[in-house]
Each structure stands twice: as C-alpha cells, then as structure tokens.
Amino acid sequence: MNILVNGKTETITPCTVAELVAAKGIPAESLVVEYNREIVKQAQWSEVRLKEDDQLELLSFVGGG
C-alpha cells in the first residue's frame, strides 16, 4: 500500500505507526508523529494502523547549541 511520509510516497506493508518507526530505525524518544494532520501521542502509536493514502510527518528534534 502507498502512504505519504514527509511529503514522499512510500510503499509499505500494512503496519502500525510504532512498527513503521521501528522499521525506519528512528529513535522514538525525540520523535513527534503527525498522522493525517493530527499529532499522535507516543503511547498510541501501537494502536494506529496505517491505511492506504495516509499522510505522516515524522519530526525529529535535535538538541544542540
């Protein structure tokens, strides 16, 4: 199925937000997920099953000076 991740189309197998984040190897501690224009709390990632044409923004925060 196809979804939009950070503005780019990706073909994935059906999964949850948590599974997608893990598959991408992104550290969850510094990640914010916007799912179809709504922020999803990290505690809910395993409950949100991705569907065809969903839109995700994966925003990673980096500290520094």
Protein backbone atom coordinates (compact mmCIF):
# COMPACT_ATOMS: atom_id res chain seq x y z
CA MET A 1 0.00 0.00 0.00
CA ASN A 2 1.09 3.59 -0.53
CA ILE A 3 1.33 6.27 2.14
CA LEU A 4 2.87 9.74 2.18
CA VAL A 5 5.80 10.18 4.62
CA ASN A 6 7.28 13.66 4.97
CA GLY A 7 5.91 14.58 1.55
CA LYS A 8 7.20 11.49 -0.29
CA THR A 9 5.20 8.46 -1.40
CA GLU A 10 6.35 5.20 0.17
CA THR A 11 5.13 1.68 -0.46
CA ILE A 12 4.82 -0.28 2.78
CA THR A 13 3.22 -3.43 4.10
CA PRO A 14 0.26 -2.85 6.45
CA CYS A 15 1.55 -1.91 9.90
CA THR A 16 1.10 0.42 12.85
CA VAL A 17 2.84 3.75 13.38
CA ALA A 18 5.06 2.09 16.02
CA GLU A 19 6.07 -0.66 13.59
CA LEU A 20 6.90 1.86 10.87
CA VAL A 21 9.02 3.98 13.22
CA ALA A 22 10.89 0.86 14.39
CA ALA A 23 11.44 -0.33 10.81
CA LYS A 24 12.93 3.06 9.90
CA GLY A 25 15.27 2.87 12.89
CA ILE A 26 14.27 6.30 14.17
CA PRO A 27 14.81 6.88 17.91
CA ALA A 28 11.32 7.26 19.36
CA GLU A 29 12.45 9.45 22.28
CA SER A 30 12.94 12.51 20.10
CA LEU A 31 10.19 11.88 17.56
CA VAL A 32 6.82 13.56 17.03
CA VAL A 33 4.36 11.89 14.65
CA GLU A 34 1.67 13.80 12.79
CA TYR A 35 -0.89 11.39 11.33
CA ASN A 36 -3.34 12.84 8.81
CA ARG A 37 -2.68 16.33 10.23
CA GLU A 38 -3.13 15.36 13.90
CA ILE A 39 -0.39 14.77 16.46
CA VAL A 40 -0.41 11.21 17.79
CA LYS A 41 0.89 10.62 21.31
CA GLN A 42 3.65 8.04 21.50
CA ALA A 43 1.52 5.84 23.79
CA GLN A 44 -0.99 5.48 20.92
CA TRP A 45 1.47 4.61 18.13
CA SER A 46 0.87 0.87 18.50
CA GLU A 47 -2.90 1.41 18.20
CA VAL A 48 -2.83 3.46 14.97
CA ARG A 49 -2.93 1.11 11.97
CA LEU A 50 -1.82 2.76 8.74
CA LYS A 51 -4.15 2.69 5.73
CA GLU A 52 -3.80 3.40 2.02
CA ASP A 53 -3.13 7.10 1.27
CA ASP A 54 -2.47 8.06 4.91
CA GLN A 55 -0.18 11.04 5.43
CA LEU A 56 2.57 11.04 8.06
CA GLU A 57 5.04 13.67 9.14
CA LEU A 58 7.89 12.27 11.22
CA LEU A 59 9.54 15.16 13.04
CA SER A 60 12.76 14.52 14.91
CA PHE A 61 14.07 17.08 17.38
CA VAL A 62 17.79 17.52 17.79
CA GLY A 63 19.34 19.46 20.63
CA GLY A 64 22.50 21.46 20.38
CA GLY A 65 23.97 24.86 20.64
